[in-house]
Amino acid sequence: MERVCFLLKVRPERLEEYKERHKTVWPEMLQALRETGWRNYSLFLRPDGLLVGYFETPSLKDALAGMAQRDVNARWQRDMAPFFENLGGRRPDEGFERLEEVFHLA
């Protein structure tokens, strides 16, 4: 199982709306994530907008490719993109900064 941790930056003026949106993630989006191998997926948000994401997957490459083929993902990414800083024209699922794992206590 591959453990993936990543960073994004939520615009400070959109923090509350971002949190509200994640209280009601679309059921079809949740289903697509499960079907494409995303497990133990969590998001953590700091008051200044730093977003830390973590999930486990058999293959990050396959998980991203699987989601890229889902219409619901395209719609979700389009809706979520305005919440983030520094995406450089990319979708949030393409613009996150993956962190290197340097320790894991099994």
PDB file of N, CA and C in Angstrom:
ATOM      1  N   MET A   1       0.851  -1.178   0.000  1.00  0.00           N
ATOM      2  CA  MET A   1       0.000   0.000   0.000  1.00  0.00           C
ATOM      3  C   MET A   1       0.894   1.236   0.000  1.00  0.00           C
ATOM      4  N   GLU A   2       0.604   2.144  -0.879  1.00  0.00           N
ATOM      5  CA  GLU A   2       1.351   3.391  -0.988  1.00  0.00           C
ATOM      6  C   GLU A   2       0.660   4.446  -0.111  1.00  0.00           C
ATOM      7  N   ARG A   3       1.422   5.099   0.753  1.00  0.00           N
ATOM      8  CA  ARG A   3       0.901   6.180   1.590  1.00  0.00           C
ATOM      9  C   ARG A   3       1.251   7.506   0.916  1.00  0.00           C
ATOM     10  N   VAL A   4       0.255   8.360   0.754  1.00  0.00           N
ATOM     11  CA  VAL A   4       0.441   9.619   0.031  1.00  0.00           C
ATOM     12  C   VAL A   4       0.026  10.768   0.938  1.00  0.00           C
ATOM     13  N   CYS A   5       0.919  11.725   1.107  1.00  0.00           N
ATOM     14  CA  CYS A   5       0.623  12.947   1.845  1.00  0.00           C
ATOM     15  C   CYS A   5       0.905  14.116   0.906  1.00  0.00           C
ATOM     16  N   PHE A   6       0.004  15.095   0.896  1.00  0.00           N
ATOM     17  CA  PHE A   6       0.170  16.207  -0.032  1.00  0.00           C
ATOM     18  C   PHE A   6      -0.273  17.520   0.599  1.00  0.00           C
ATOM     19  N   LEU A   7       0.172  18.614  -0.030  1.00  0.00           N
ATOM     20  CA  LEU A   7      -0.173  19.965   0.405  1.00  0.00           C
ATOM     21  C   LEU A   7      -0.875  20.732  -0.710  1.00  0.00           C
ATOM     22  N   LEU A   8      -1.822  21.547  -0.315  1.00  0.00           N
ATOM     23  CA  LEU A   8      -2.441  22.553  -1.170  1.00  0.00           C
ATOM     24  C   LEU A   8      -2.681  23.776  -0.292  1.00  0.00           C
ATOM     25  N   LYS A   9      -3.014  24.895  -0.908  1.00  0.00           N
ATOM     26  CA  LYS A   9      -3.284  26.123  -0.144  1.00  0.00           C
ATOM     27  C   LYS A   9      -4.664  26.636  -0.515  1.00  0.00           C
ATOM     28  N   VAL A  10      -5.566  26.639   0.476  1.00  0.00           N
ATOM     29  CA  VAL A  10      -6.918  27.156   0.290  1.00  0.00           C
ATOM     30  C   VAL A  10      -6.890  28.665   0.499  1.00  0.00           C
ATOM     31  N   ARG A  11      -7.585  29.381  -0.360  1.00  0.00           N
ATOM     32  CA  ARG A  11      -7.662  30.837  -0.243  1.00  0.00           C
ATOM     33  C   ARG A  11      -8.311  31.193   1.108  1.00  0.00           C
ATOM     34  N   PRO A  12      -7.680  32.074   1.875  1.00  0.00           N
ATOM     35  CA  PRO A  12      -8.206  32.411   3.207  1.00  0.00           C
ATOM     36  C   PRO A  12      -9.668  32.851   3.206  1.00  0.00           C
ATOM     37  N   GLU A  13     -10.074  33.585   2.191  1.00  0.00           N
ATOM     38  CA  GLU A  13     -11.457  34.072   2.143  1.00  0.00           C
ATOM     39  C   GLU A  13     -12.460  32.972   1.799  1.00  0.00           C
ATOM     40  N   ARG A  14     -11.969  31.775   1.438  1.00  0.00           N
ATOM     41  CA  ARG A  14     -12.865  30.672   1.054  1.00  0.00           C
ATOM     42  C   ARG A  14     -12.842  29.514   2.050  1.00  0.00           C
ATOM     43  N   LEU A  15     -12.152  29.690   3.179  1.00  0.00           N
ATOM     44  CA  LEU A  15     -11.983  28.586   4.137  1.00  0.00           C
ATOM     45  C   LEU A  15     -13.307  28.006   4.626  1.00  0.00           C
ATOM     46  N   GLU A  16     -14.215  28.854   5.052  1.00  0.00           N
ATOM     47  CA  GLU A  16     -15.472  28.354   5.614  1.00  0.00           C
ATOM     48  C   GLU A  16     -16.298  27.610   4.562  1.00  0.00           C
ATOM     49  N   GLU A  17     -16.362  28.174   3.369  1.00  0.00           N
ATOM     50  CA  GLU A  17     -17.106  27.504   2.295  1.00  0.00           C
ATOM     51  C   GLU A  17     -16.452  26.179   1.927  1.00  0.00           C
ATOM     52  N   TYR A  18     -15.121  26.138   1.917  1.00  0.00           N
ATOM     53  CA  TYR A  18     -14.405  24.893   1.621  1.00  0.00           C
ATOM     54  C   TYR A  18     -14.784  23.815   2.638  1.00  0.00           C
ATOM     55  N   LYS A  19     -14.790  24.183   3.916  1.00  0.00           N
ATOM     56  CA  LYS A  19     -15.160  23.212   4.955  1.00  0.00           C
ATOM     57  C   LYS A  19     -16.608  22.749   4.783  1.00  0.00           C
ATOM     58  N   GLU A  20     -17.493  23.672   4.467  1.00  0.00           N
ATOM     59  CA  GLU A  20     -18.904  23.311   4.260  1.00  0.00           C
ATOM     60  C   GLU A  20     -19.062  22.344   3.092  1.00  0.00           C
ATOM     61  N   ARG A  21     -18.353  22.594   2.004  1.00  0.00           N
ATOM     62  CA  ARG A  21     -18.440  21.711   0.833  1.00  0.00           C
ATOM     63  C   ARG A  21     -18.028  20.284   1.175  1.00  0.00           C
ATOM     64  N   HIS A  22     -17.082  20.151   2.100  1.00  0.00           N
ATOM     65  CA  HIS A  22     -16.601  18.813   2.441  1.00  0.00           C
ATOM     66  C   HIS A  22     -17.466  18.110   3.479  1.00  0.00           C
ATOM     67  N   LYS A  23     -18.456  18.792   3.999  1.00  0.00           N
ATOM     68  CA  LYS A  23     -19.441  18.135   4.862  1.00  0.00           C
ATOM     69  C   LYS A  23     -20.444  17.355   4.026  1.00  0.00           C
ATOM     70  N   THR A  24     -20.555  17.722   2.750  1.00  0.00           N
ATOM     71  CA  THR A  24     -21.530  17.078   1.866  1.00  0.00           C
ATOM     72  C   THR A  24     -20.893  16.743   0.521  1.00  0.00           C
ATOM     73  N   VAL A  25     -19.790  16.014   0.559  1.00  0.00           N
ATOM     74  CA  VAL A  25     -19.169  15.573  -0.698  1.00  0.00           C
ATOM     75  C   VAL A  25     -20.182  14.713  -1.441  1.00  0.00           C
ATOM     76  N   TRP A  26     -20.271  14.930  -2.738  1.00  0.00           N
ATOM     77  CA  TRP A  26     -21.245  14.210  -3.556  1.00  0.00           C
ATOM     78  C   TRP A  26     -21.066  12.695  -3.398  1.00  0.00           C
ATOM     79  N   PRO A  27     -22.150  11.961  -3.185  1.00  0.00           N
ATOM     80  CA  PRO A  27     -22.054  10.499  -3.037  1.00  0.00           C
ATOM     81  C   PRO A  27     -21.355   9.822  -4.220  1.00  0.00           C
ATOM     82  N   GLU A  28     -21.592  10.317  -5.432  1.00  0.00           N
ATOM     83  CA  GLU A  28     -20.948   9.697  -6.602  1.00  0.00           C
ATOM     84  C   GLU A  28     -19.444   9.967  -6.627  1.00  0.00           C
ATOM     85  N   MET A  29     -19.016  11.074  -6.010  1.00  0.00           N
ATOM     86  CA  MET A  29     -17.582  11.353  -5.899  1.00  0.00           C
ATOM     87  C   MET A  29     -16.952  10.404  -4.887  1.00  0.00           C
ATOM     88  N   LEU A  30     -17.610  10.199  -3.762  1.00  0.00           N
ATOM     89  CA  LEU A  30     -17.115   9.266  -2.756  1.00  0.00           C
ATOM     90  C   LEU A  30     -17.012   7.854  -3.341  1.00  0.00           C
ATOM     91  N   GLN A  31     -18.013   7.459  -4.104  1.00  0.00           N
ATOM     92  CA  GLN A  31     -18.013   6.143  -4.730  1.00  0.00           C
ATOM     93  C   GLN A  31     -16.854   6.014  -5.722  1.00  0.00           C
ATOM     94  N   ALA A  32     -16.632   7.038  -6.519  1.00  0.00           N
ATOM     95  CA  ALA A  32     -15.541   7.007  -7.499  1.00  0.00           C
ATOM     96  C   ALA A  32     -14.191   6.882  -6.797  1.00  0.00           C
ATOM     97  N   LEU A  33     -13.999   7.611  -5.714  1.00  0.00           N
ATOM     98  CA  LEU A  33     -12.743   7.504  -4.957  1.00  0.00           C
ATOM     99  C   LEU A  33     -12.534   6.072  -4.463  1.00  0.00           C
ATOM    100  N   ARG A  34     -13.567   5.502  -3.886  1.00  0.00           N
ATOM    101  CA  ARG A  34     -13.453   4.123  -3.384  1.00  0.00           C
ATOM    102  C   ARG A  34     -13.150   3.146  -4.517  1.00  0.00           C
ATOM    103  N   GLU A  35     -13.848   3.308  -5.632  1.00  0.00           N
ATOM    104  CA  GLU A  35     -13.679   2.376  -6.753  1.00  0.00           C
ATOM    105  C   GLU A  35     -12.311   2.484  -7.420  1.00  0.00           C
ATOM    106  N   THR A  36     -11.642   3.620  -7.268  1.00  0.00           N
ATOM    107  CA  THR A  36     -10.336   3.807  -7.915  1.00  0.00           C
ATOM    108  C   THR A  36      -9.165   3.646  -6.947  1.00  0.00           C
ATOM    109  N   GLY A  37      -9.448   3.137  -5.744  1.00  0.00           N
ATOM    110  CA  GLY A  37      -8.372   2.744  -4.851  1.00  0.00           C
ATOM    111  C   GLY A  37      -7.919   3.742  -3.807  1.00  0.00           C
ATOM    112  N   TRP A  38      -8.731   4.749  -3.509  1.00  0.00           N
ATOM    113  CA  TRP A  38      -8.378   5.730  -2.467  1.00  0.00           C
ATOM    114  C   TRP A  38      -8.910   5.200  -1.139  1.00  0.00           C
ATOM    115  N   ARG A  39      -8.017   5.036  -0.145  1.00  0.00           N
ATOM    116  CA  ARG A  39      -8.393   4.508   1.168  1.00  0.00           C
ATOM    117  C   ARG A  39      -7.850   5.427   2.268  1.00  0.00           C
ATOM    118  N   ASN A  40      -8.529   5.430   3.414  1.00  0.00           N
ATOM    119  CA  ASN A  40      -8.081   6.233   4.559  1.00  0.00           C
ATOM    120  C   ASN A  40      -7.776   7.672   4.150  1.00  0.00           C
ATOM    121  N   TYR A  41      -8.642   8.243   3.349  1.00  0.00           N
ATOM    122  CA  TYR A  41      -8.428   9.592   2.817  1.00  0.00           C
ATOM    123  C   TYR A  41      -8.877  10.616   3.862  1.00  0.00           C
ATOM    124  N   SER A  42      -7.970  11.507   4.240  1.00  0.00           N
ATOM    125  CA  SER A  42      -8.257  12.568   5.201  1.00  0.00           C
ATOM    126  C   SER A  42      -7.692  13.885   4.703  1.00  0.00           C
ATOM    127  N   LEU A  43      -8.382  14.961   5.074  1.00  0.00           N
ATOM    128  CA  LEU A  43      -7.898  16.309   4.807  1.00  0.00           C
ATOM    129  C   LEU A  43      -7.821  17.054   6.137  1.00  0.00           C
ATOM    130  N   PHE A  44      -6.739  17.808   6.314  1.00  0.00           N
ATOM    131  CA  PHE A  44      -6.522  18.595   7.517  1.00  0.00           C
ATOM    132  C   PHE A  44      -6.269  20.030   7.076  1.00  0.00           C
ATOM    133  N   LEU A  45      -6.937  20.986   7.726  1.00  0.00           N
ATOM    134  CA  LEU A  45      -6.867  22.380   7.295  1.00  0.00           C
ATOM    135  C   LEU A  45      -6.398  23.267   8.441  1.00  0.00           C
ATOM    136  N   ARG A  46      -5.350  24.035   8.178  1.00  0.00           N
ATOM    137  CA  ARG A  46      -4.840  24.995   9.142  1.00  0.00           C
ATOM    138  C   ARG A  46      -5.584  26.318   8.948  1.00  0.00           C
ATOM    139  N   PRO A  47      -5.707  27.150   9.985  1.00  0.00           N
ATOM    140  CA  PRO A  47      -6.447  28.414   9.863  1.00  0.00           C
ATOM    141  C   PRO A  47      -5.933  29.356   8.773  1.00  0.00           C
ATOM    142  N   ASP A  48      -4.662  29.235   8.383  1.00  0.00           N
ATOM    143  CA  ASP A  48      -4.134  30.098   7.324  1.00  0.00           C
ATOM    144  C   ASP A  48      -4.366  29.532   5.930  1.00  0.00           C
ATOM    145  N   GLY A  49      -5.051  28.379   5.840  1.00  0.00           N
ATOM    146  CA  GLY A  49      -5.386  27.805   4.546  1.00  0.00           C
ATOM    147  C   GLY A  49      -4.509  26.659   4.102  1.00  0.00           C
ATOM    148  N   LEU A  50      -3.456  26.337   4.850  1.00  0.00           N
ATOM    149  CA  LEU A  50      -2.635  25.191   4.469  1.00  0.00           C
ATOM    150  C   LEU A  50      -3.468  23.928   4.616  1.00  0.00           C
ATOM    151  N   LEU A  51      -3.578  23.185   3.536  1.00  0.00           N
ATOM    152  CA  LEU A  51      -4.342  21.945   3.519  1.00  0.00           C
ATOM    153  C   LEU A  51      -3.374  20.779   3.390  1.00  0.00           C
ATOM    154  N   VAL A  52      -3.483  19.828   4.302  1.00  0.00           N
ATOM    155  CA  VAL A  52      -2.679  18.621   4.266  1.00  0.00           C
ATOM    156  C   VAL A  52      -3.628  17.466   3.988  1.00  0.00           C
ATOM    157  N   GLY A  53      -3.331  16.715   2.948  1.00  0.00           N
ATOM    158  CA  GLY A  53      -4.139  15.551   2.607  1.00  0.00           C
ATOM    159  C   GLY A  53      -3.332  14.283   2.788  1.00  0.00           C
ATOM    160  N   TYR A  54      -4.020  13.218   3.135  1.00  0.00           N
ATOM    161  CA  TYR A  54      -3.378  11.913   3.299  1.00  0.00           C
ATOM    162  C   TYR A  54      -4.331  10.845   2.803  1.00  0.00           C
ATOM    163  N   PHE A  55      -3.792   9.886   2.064  1.00  0.00           N
ATOM    164  CA  PHE A  55      -4.570   8.701   1.705  1.00  0.00           C
ATOM    165  C   PHE A  55      -3.630   7.549   1.415  1.00  0.00           C
ATOM    166  N   GLU A  56      -4.203   6.373   1.358  1.00  0.00           N
ATOM    167  CA  GLU A  56      -3.460   5.168   1.028  1.00  0.00           C
ATOM    168  C   GLU A  56      -4.076   4.576  -0.226  1.00  0.00           C
ATOM    169  N   THR A  57      -3.229   3.987  -1.051  1.00  0.00           N
ATOM    170  CA  THR A  57      -3.691   3.418  -2.315  1.00  0.00           C
ATOM    171  C   THR A  57      -2.704   2.354  -2.782  1.00  0.00           C
ATOM    172  N   PRO A  58      -3.171   1.342  -3.487  1.00  0.00           N
ATOM    173  CA  PRO A  58      -2.227   0.375  -4.051  1.00  0.00           C
ATOM    174  C   PRO A  58      -1.261   1.026  -5.045  1.00  0.00           C
ATOM    175  N   SER A  59      -1.732   2.075  -5.753  1.00  0.00           N
ATOM    176  CA  SER A  59      -0.895   2.753  -6.744  1.00  0.00           C
ATOM    177  C   SER A  59      -1.404   4.173  -6.950  1.00  0.00           C
ATOM    178  N   LEU A  60      -0.579   5.169  -6.637  1.00  0.00           N
ATOM    179  CA  LEU A  60      -0.979   6.556  -6.865  1.00  0.00           C
ATOM    180  C   LEU A  60      -1.235   6.789  -8.346  1.00  0.00           C
ATOM    181  N   LYS A  61      -0.366   6.281  -9.182  1.00  0.00           N
ATOM    182  CA  LYS A  61      -0.528   6.451 -10.632  1.00  0.00           C
ATOM    183  C   LYS A  61      -1.883   5.920 -11.085  1.00  0.00           C
ATOM    184  N   ASP A  62      -2.242   4.716 -10.647  1.00  0.00           N
ATOM    185  CA  ASP A  62      -3.516   4.117 -11.050  1.00  0.00           C
ATOM    186  C   ASP A  62      -4.709   4.852 -10.432  1.00  0.00           C
ATOM    187  N   ALA A  63      -4.563   5.299  -9.170  1.00  0.00           N
ATOM    188  CA  ALA A  63      -5.657   6.021  -8.507  1.00  0.00           C
ATOM    189  C   ALA A  63      -5.951   7.335  -9.230  1.00  0.00           C
ATOM    190  N   LEU A  64      -4.900   8.069  -9.594  1.00  0.00           N
ATOM    191  CA  LEU A  64      -5.094   9.327 -10.324  1.00  0.00           C
ATOM    192  C   LEU A  64      -5.648   9.079 -11.724  1.00  0.00           C
ATOM    193  N   ALA A  65      -5.122   8.064 -12.397  1.00  0.00           N
ATOM    194  CA  ALA A  65      -5.607   7.741 -13.750  1.00  0.00           C
ATOM    195  C   ALA A  65      -7.066   7.313 -13.713  1.00  0.00           C
ATOM    196  N   GLY A  66      -7.434   6.534 -12.712  1.00  0.00           N
ATOM    197  CA  GLY A  66      -8.822   6.098 -12.589  1.00  0.00           C
ATOM    198  C   GLY A  66      -9.765   7.265 -12.377  1.00  0.00           C
ATOM    199  N   MET A  67      -9.370   8.194 -11.521  1.00  0.00           N
ATOM    200  CA  MET A  67     -10.218   9.360 -11.276  1.00  0.00           C
ATOM    201  C   MET A  67     -10.269  10.273 -12.494  1.00  0.00           C
ATOM    202  N   ALA A  68      -9.186  10.359 -13.239  1.00  0.00           N
ATOM    203  CA  ALA A  68      -9.150  11.212 -14.432  1.00  0.00           C
ATOM    204  C   ALA A  68     -10.175  10.765 -15.472  1.00  0.00           C
ATOM    205  N   GLN A  69     -10.579   9.523 -15.415  1.00  0.00           N
ATOM    206  CA  GLN A  69     -11.557   8.992 -16.373  1.00  0.00           C
ATOM    207  C   GLN A  69     -13.000   9.184 -15.920  1.00  0.00           C
ATOM    208  N   ARG A  70     -13.210   9.698 -14.737  1.00  0.00           N
ATOM    209  CA  ARG A  70     -14.558   9.846 -14.182  1.00  0.00           C
ATOM    210  C   ARG A  70     -15.090  11.257 -14.414  1.00  0.00           C
ATOM    211  N   ASP A  71     -16.264  11.341 -14.983  1.00  0.00           N
ATOM    212  CA  ASP A  71     -16.907  12.631 -15.211  1.00  0.00           C
ATOM    213  C   ASP A  71     -17.148  13.368 -13.897  1.00  0.00           C
ATOM    214  N   VAL A  72     -17.529  12.635 -12.856  1.00  0.00           N
ATOM    215  CA  VAL A  72     -17.787  13.279 -11.570  1.00  0.00           C
ATOM    216  C   VAL A  72     -16.521  13.951 -11.050  1.00  0.00           C
ATOM    217  N   ASN A  73     -15.367  13.376 -11.287  1.00  0.00           N
ATOM    218  CA  ASN A  73     -14.117  13.986 -10.850  1.00  0.00           C
ATOM    219  C   ASN A  73     -13.849  15.280 -11.618  1.00  0.00           C
ATOM    220  N   ALA A  74     -14.093  15.279 -12.903  1.00  0.00           N
ATOM    221  CA  ALA A  74     -13.895  16.499 -13.691  1.00  0.00           C
ATOM    222  C   ALA A  74     -14.782  17.622 -13.161  1.00  0.00           C
ATOM    223  N   ARG A  75     -16.031  17.289 -12.837  1.00  0.00           N
ATOM    224  CA  ARG A  75     -16.951  18.296 -12.296  1.00  0.00           C
ATOM    225  C   ARG A  75     -16.494  18.783 -10.915  1.00  0.00           C
ATOM    226  N   TRP A  76     -16.085  17.844 -10.059  1.00  0.00           N
ATOM    227  CA  TRP A  76     -15.636  18.205  -8.711  1.00  0.00           C
ATOM    228  C   TRP A  76     -14.390  19.089  -8.774  1.00  0.00           C
ATOM    229  N   GLN A  77     -13.415  18.701  -9.581  1.00  0.00           N
ATOM    230  CA  GLN A  77     -12.172  19.470  -9.690  1.00  0.00           C
ATOM    231  C   GLN A  77     -12.442  20.878 -10.229  1.00  0.00           C
ATOM    232  N   ARG A  78     -13.335  20.978 -11.189  1.00  0.00           N
ATOM    233  CA  ARG A  78     -13.704  22.284 -11.747  1.00  0.00           C
ATOM    234  C   ARG A  78     -14.352  23.158 -10.660  1.00  0.00           C
ATOM    235  N   ASP A  79     -15.225  22.566  -9.847  1.00  0.00           N
ATOM    236  CA  ASP A  79     -15.887  23.311  -8.781  1.00  0.00           C
ATOM    237  C   ASP A  79     -14.927  23.693  -7.659  1.00  0.00           C
ATOM    238  N   MET A  80     -13.941  22.865  -7.393  1.00  0.00           N
ATOM    239  CA  MET A  80     -13.016  23.102  -6.280  1.00  0.00           C
ATOM    240  C   MET A  80     -11.836  24.007  -6.655  1.00  0.00           C
ATOM    241  N   ALA A  81     -11.463  24.072  -7.908  1.00  0.00           N
ATOM    242  CA  ALA A  81     -10.275  24.831  -8.324  1.00  0.00           C
ATOM    243  C   ALA A  81     -10.267  26.268  -7.811  1.00  0.00           C
ATOM    244  N   PRO A  82     -11.383  27.002  -7.835  1.00  0.00           N
ATOM    245  CA  PRO A  82     -11.341  28.396  -7.362  1.00  0.00           C
ATOM    246  C   PRO A  82     -11.020  28.550  -5.873  1.00  0.00           C
ATOM    247  N   PHE A  83     -11.075  27.489  -5.110  1.00  0.00           N
ATOM    248  CA  PHE A  83     -10.771  27.554  -3.684  1.00  0.00           C
ATOM    249  C   PHE A  83      -9.269  27.617  -3.408  1.00  0.00           C
ATOM    250  N   PHE A  84      -8.450  27.260  -4.392  1.00  0.00           N
ATOM    251  CA  PHE A  84      -7.017  27.079  -4.147  1.00  0.00           C
ATOM    252  C   PHE A  84      -6.149  28.169  -4.756  1.00  0.00           C
ATOM    253  N   GLU A  85      -5.013  28.393  -4.098  1.00  0.00           N
ATOM    254  CA  GLU A  85      -3.977  29.290  -4.605  1.00  0.00           C
ATOM    255  C   GLU A  85      -2.925  28.474  -5.354  1.00  0.00           C
ATOM    256  N   ASN A  86      -2.247  29.132  -6.273  1.00  0.00           N
ATOM    257  CA  ASN A  86      -1.029  28.600  -6.910  1.00  0.00           C
ATOM    258  C   ASN A  86      -1.203  27.277  -7.647  1.00  0.00           C
ATOM    259  N   LEU A  87      -2.304  27.105  -8.343  1.00  0.00           N
ATOM    260  CA  LEU A  87      -2.474  25.892  -9.136  1.00  0.00           C
ATOM    261  C   LEU A  87      -1.848  26.013 -10.526  1.00  0.00           C
ATOM    262  N   GLY A  88      -1.559  27.208 -10.948  1.00  0.00           N
ATOM    263  CA  GLY A  88      -0.936  27.407 -12.252  1.00  0.00           C
ATOM    264  C   GLY A  88      -1.754  26.850 -13.408  1.00  0.00           C
ATOM    265  N   GLY A  89      -3.077  26.979 -13.332  1.00  0.00           N
ATOM    266  CA  GLY A  89      -3.936  26.494 -14.402  1.00  0.00           C
ATOM    267  C   GLY A  89      -4.248  25.010 -14.331  1.00  0.00           C
ATOM    268  N   ARG A  90      -3.685  24.324 -13.358  1.00  0.00           N
ATOM    269  CA  ARG A  90      -3.954  22.883 -13.208  1.00  0.00           C
ATOM    270  C   ARG A  90      -5.155  22.673 -12.298  1.00  0.00           C
ATOM    271  N   ARG A  91      -5.716  21.473 -12.364  1.00  0.00           N
ATOM    272  CA  ARG A  91      -6.782  21.088 -11.451  1.00  0.00           C
ATOM    273  C   ARG A  91      -6.152  20.770 -10.094  1.00  0.00           C
ATOM    274  N   PRO A  92      -6.941  20.854  -9.000  1.00  0.00           N
ATOM    275  CA  PRO A  92      -6.372  20.538  -7.688  1.00  0.00           C
ATOM    276  C   PRO A  92      -5.726  19.153  -7.612  1.00  0.00           C
ATOM    277  N   ASP A  93      -6.327  18.163  -8.269  1.00  0.00           N
ATOM    278  CA  ASP A  93      -5.750  16.814  -8.201  1.00  0.00           C
ATOM    279  C   ASP A  93      -4.482  16.674  -9.041  1.00  0.00           C
ATOM    280  N   GLU A  94      -4.154  17.692  -9.816  1.00  0.00           N
ATOM    281  CA  GLU A  94      -2.908  17.710 -10.591  1.00  0.00           C
ATOM    282  C   GLU A  94      -1.889  18.672  -9.983  1.00  0.00           C
ATOM    283  N   GLY A  95      -2.356  19.573  -9.121  1.00  0.00           N
ATOM    284  CA  GLY A  95      -1.509  20.639  -8.637  1.00  0.00           C
ATOM    285  C   GLY A  95      -1.032  20.502  -7.209  1.00  0.00           C
ATOM    286  N   PHE A  96      -1.349  19.375  -6.566  1.00  0.00           N
ATOM    287  CA  PHE A  96      -0.889  19.251  -5.187  1.00  0.00           C
ATOM    288  C   PHE A  96       0.591  18.905  -5.120  1.00  0.00           C
ATOM    289  N   GLU A  97       1.201  19.310  -4.006  1.00  0.00           N
ATOM    290  CA  GLU A  97       2.612  19.019  -3.764  1.00  0.00           C
ATOM    291  C   GLU A  97       2.704  17.781  -2.886  1.00  0.00           C
ATOM    292  N   ARG A  98       3.233  16.702  -3.436  1.00  0.00           N
ATOM    293  CA  ARG A  98       3.379  15.475  -2.666  1.00  0.00           C
ATOM    294  C   ARG A  98       4.598  15.594  -1.755  1.00  0.00           C
ATOM    295  N   LEU A  99       4.432  15.129  -0.523  1.00  0.00           N
ATOM    296  CA  LEU A  99       5.515  15.151   0.446  1.00  0.00           C
ATOM    297  C   LEU A  99       6.208  13.786   0.481  1.00  0.00           C
ATOM    298  N   GLU A 100       7.503  13.812   0.697  1.00  0.00           N
ATOM    299  CA  GLU A 100       8.288  12.591   0.806  1.00  0.00           C
ATOM    300  C   GLU A 100       8.092  11.989   2.202  1.00  0.00           C
ATOM    301  N   GLU A 101       7.791  10.718   2.239  1.00  0.00           N
ATOM    302  CA  GLU A 101       7.691  10.026   3.526  1.00  0.00           C
ATOM    303  C   GLU A 101       9.090   9.688   4.015  1.00  0.00           C
ATOM    304  N   VAL A 102       9.409  10.118   5.226  1.00  0.00           N
ATOM    305  CA  VAL A 102      10.748   9.855   5.761  1.00  0.00           C
ATOM    306  C   VAL A 102      10.709   8.935   6.977  1.00  0.00           C
ATOM    307  N   PHE A 103       9.522   8.656   7.510  1.00  0.00           N
ATOM    308  CA  PHE A 103       9.406   7.736   8.643  1.00  0.00           C
ATOM    309  C   PHE A 103       7.996   7.205   8.690  1.00  0.00           C
ATOM    310  N   HIS A 104       7.876   5.939   9.070  1.00  0.00           N
ATOM    311  CA  HIS A 104       6.561   5.321   9.276  1.00  0.00           C
ATOM    312  C   HIS A 104       6.696   4.302  10.396  1.00  0.00           C
ATOM    313  N   LEU A 105       5.861   4.431  11.425  1.00  0.00           N
ATOM    314  CA  LEU A 105       5.826   3.463  12.518  1.00  0.00           C
ATOM    315  C   LEU A 105       4.736   2.449  12.192  1.00  0.00           C
ATOM    316  N   ALA A 106       5.139   1.251  11.864  1.00  0.00           N
ATOM    317  CA  ALA A 106       4.180   0.200  11.503  1.00  0.00           C
ATOM    318  C   ALA A 106       3.604  -0.446  12.762  1.00  0.00           C
TER     319      ALA A 106
END
